[in-house]
Amino acid sequence: MTLDELIDFYESLTPERVARFAEFYADDAWFKDPFNEVRGIEAIQRIFAHMFTQVEMPRFVVGERIVDAGGAVLIWEFCFRSARLGGGGTQLLRGVSHLRFAPDGRVCYHRDYWDTGEELYMKLPLLGGLWRGLRLLLAA
C-alpha cells in the first residue's frame, strides 16, 4: 500500500468501499477523532459506515501531505450535506490526520484533528448562536 493509494481510498470512499479498510489498516490499528477512540478494523469501519448514515454525499479531499520515514500528516477537507446543519446545504469541515505505519505499510495509528467548535458547533441552529456569542466574548 502506498500513501497515494490510501489517499485515493479516502477520496473515493463509498459505503461499499468501507469493507476495504483491512487493505489499508493493520488489524489492531488505533483511530481517534473528536468523537471516537477505537482499536481494530471493525471498529474503524463502524465509524465510517455510520458517517454514511448521518450525512449525505460525504467526500474527503486531501489538499496537502507531509511525509517522513515513520508516518504522514494529511491536510483535508470534508464536504457533506446535512439537513441538521445549515438547512441541508453543502457543509465544509477542515482537518488534519496524523498517520503512522506498521512495518507492512498499513496504517497502525490514525489521529484526526479538527475544531469541533468552528467546524461543527457554530453551524448548529441553537448551539451555534451560543457558541458565536462565547467566541465574541473571549476574542481579543
Protein backbone atom coordinates (compact mmCIF):
# COMPACT_ATOMS: atom_id res chain seq x y z
CA MET A 1 0.00 0.00 0.00
CA THR A 2 1.28 3.45 -0.90
CA LEU A 3 0.22 6.79 0.53
CA ASP A 4 -1.27 7.69 -2.86
CA GLU A 5 -3.43 4.55 -2.73
CA LEU A 6 -4.59 5.41 0.81
CA ILE A 7 -5.48 8.96 -0.24
CA ASP A 8 -7.37 7.63 -3.26
CA PHE A 9 -9.23 5.23 -0.95
CA TYR A 10 -10.41 8.13 1.23
CA GLU A 11 -11.20 10.46 -1.64
CA SER A 12 -13.36 7.79 -3.31
CA LEU A 13 -14.87 6.29 -0.14
CA THR A 14 -18.37 4.85 -0.52
CA PRO A 15 -20.48 2.68 1.77
CA GLU A 16 -19.36 -0.35 -0.23
CA ARG A 17 -15.66 0.55 -0.04
CA VAL A 18 -15.74 0.72 3.78
CA ALA A 19 -15.23 -3.07 3.64
CA ARG A 20 -11.75 -2.45 2.19
CA PHE A 21 -10.23 -0.89 5.34
CA ALA A 22 -8.26 -4.10 6.01
CA GLU A 23 -6.23 -3.40 2.87
CA PHE A 24 -5.02 -0.12 4.34
CA TYR A 25 -5.18 -0.55 8.15
CA ALA A 26 -3.40 -3.01 10.44
CA ASP A 27 -5.66 -5.46 12.30
CA ASP A 28 -5.14 -3.67 15.63
CA ALA A 29 -4.99 -0.11 14.22
CA TRP A 30 -5.90 2.71 16.62
CA PHE A 31 -8.19 5.55 15.48
CA LYS A 32 -9.16 8.73 17.32
CA ASP A 33 -11.15 11.79 16.31
CA PRO A 34 -13.03 14.37 18.43
CA PHE A 35 -15.91 11.91 19.00
CA ASN A 36 -14.41 8.42 18.83
CA GLU A 37 -11.46 6.43 20.09
CA VAL A 38 -11.33 2.82 18.90
CA ARG A 39 -8.96 -0.02 18.12
CA GLY A 40 -9.32 -2.57 15.35
CA ILE A 41 -10.52 -2.59 11.78
CA GLU A 42 -14.14 -3.50 12.56
CA ALA A 43 -14.48 -0.58 14.98
CA ILE A 44 -12.94 1.83 12.45
CA GLN A 45 -15.25 0.51 9.74
CA ARG A 46 -18.26 1.13 12.01
CA ILE A 47 -17.28 4.80 12.37
CA PHE A 48 -17.08 5.34 8.62
CA ALA A 49 -20.20 3.27 7.90
CA HIS A 50 -22.01 5.42 10.48
CA MET A 51 -20.82 8.56 8.67
CA PHE A 52 -22.82 7.49 5.61
CA THR A 53 -25.99 7.22 7.72
CA GLN A 54 -25.51 10.66 9.32
CA VAL A 55 -24.69 12.84 6.32
CA GLU A 56 -25.41 12.90 2.61
CA MET A 57 -22.78 12.93 -0.12
CA PRO A 58 -19.71 12.81 2.16
CA ARG A 59 -16.42 13.37 0.38
CA PHE A 60 -12.84 13.83 1.56
CA VAL A 61 -10.34 15.89 -0.42
CA VAL A 62 -6.69 15.77 0.63
CA GLY A 63 -5.02 19.07 -0.20
CA GLU A 64 -1.58 18.62 1.34
CA ARG A 65 0.62 15.91 2.75
CA ILE A 66 3.72 15.93 4.90
CA VAL A 67 5.63 12.65 4.91
CA ASP A 68 8.61 11.28 6.80
CA ALA A 69 10.01 7.80 7.38
CA GLY A 70 7.59 6.99 10.21
CA GLY A 71 4.33 8.46 9.04
CA ALA A 72 2.41 11.22 7.36
CA VAL A 73 0.18 14.19 8.02
CA LEU A 74 -2.72 14.74 5.63
CA ILE A 75 -4.48 18.09 5.48
CA TRP A 76 -8.01 17.57 4.21
CA GLU A 77 -11.45 18.98 3.64
CA PHE A 78 -14.60 17.00 4.30
CA CYS A 79 -17.62 18.08 2.26
CA PHE A 80 -21.11 16.82 3.01
CA ARG A 81 -24.78 17.73 3.13
CA SER A 82 -26.91 17.54 6.26
CA ALA A 83 -30.45 18.66 6.97
CA ARG A 84 -29.40 19.14 10.62
CA LEU A 85 -26.71 21.67 9.72
CA GLY A 86 -27.38 24.74 7.67
CA GLY A 87 -30.72 23.55 6.31
CA GLY A 88 -29.27 20.80 4.14
CA GLY A 89 -26.78 22.86 2.16
CA THR A 90 -23.24 21.75 1.47
CA GLN A 91 -21.01 21.91 4.53
CA LEU A 92 -17.22 22.03 4.71
CA LEU A 93 -15.12 20.77 7.59
CA ARG A 94 -11.33 21.20 7.57
CA GLY A 95 -8.99 18.90 9.42
CA VAL A 96 -5.71 17.06 9.69
CA SER A 97 -4.93 13.35 10.01
CA HIS A 98 -1.72 12.17 11.67
CA LEU A 99 -0.83 8.67 10.46
CA ARG A 100 1.81 6.16 11.48
CA PHE A 101 2.52 2.99 9.55
CA ALA A 102 3.15 -0.60 10.62
CA PRO A 103 6.15 -2.47 9.16
CA ASP A 104 3.89 -3.88 6.42
CA GLY A 105 2.98 -0.33 5.33
CA ARG A 106 -0.60 -0.34 6.62
CA VAL A 107 -1.86 2.36 8.99
CA CYS A 108 -1.47 1.43 12.67
CA TYR A 109 -2.19 4.90 14.16
CA HIS A 110 -4.71 7.43 12.85
CA ARG A 111 -5.46 10.59 14.82
CA ASP A 112 -7.79 13.20 13.33
CA TYR A 113 -7.64 16.79 14.49
CA TRP A 114 -10.36 19.28 13.67
CA ASP A 115 -12.03 22.14 15.51
CA THR A 116 -15.46 20.93 16.64
CA GLY A 117 -16.43 24.46 17.70
CA GLU A 118 -15.72 26.31 14.49
CA GLU A 119 -16.31 23.47 12.09
CA LEU A 120 -19.43 21.92 13.65
CA TYR A 121 -21.00 23.50 16.74
CA MET A 122 -21.18 27.01 15.26
CA LYS A 123 -23.29 25.59 12.41
CA LEU A 124 -25.95 24.07 14.66
CA PRO A 125 -29.15 26.14 14.90
CA LEU A 126 -29.37 26.72 18.70
CA LEU A 127 -25.91 25.86 19.90
CA GLY A 128 -24.34 27.92 17.09
CA GLY A 129 -25.70 31.20 18.46
CA LEU A 130 -24.38 30.46 21.93
CA TRP A 131 -21.02 29.36 20.54
CA ARG A 132 -20.68 32.53 18.40
CA GLY A 133 -21.59 34.68 21.42
CA LEU A 134 -18.97 32.97 23.57
CA ARG A 135 -16.40 33.41 20.82
CA LEU A 136 -17.12 37.16 20.62
CA LEU A 137 -16.91 37.44 24.40
CA LEU A 138 -13.49 35.77 24.52
CA ALA A 139 -11.94 37.33 21.39
CA ALA A 140 -9.10 39.81 21.82
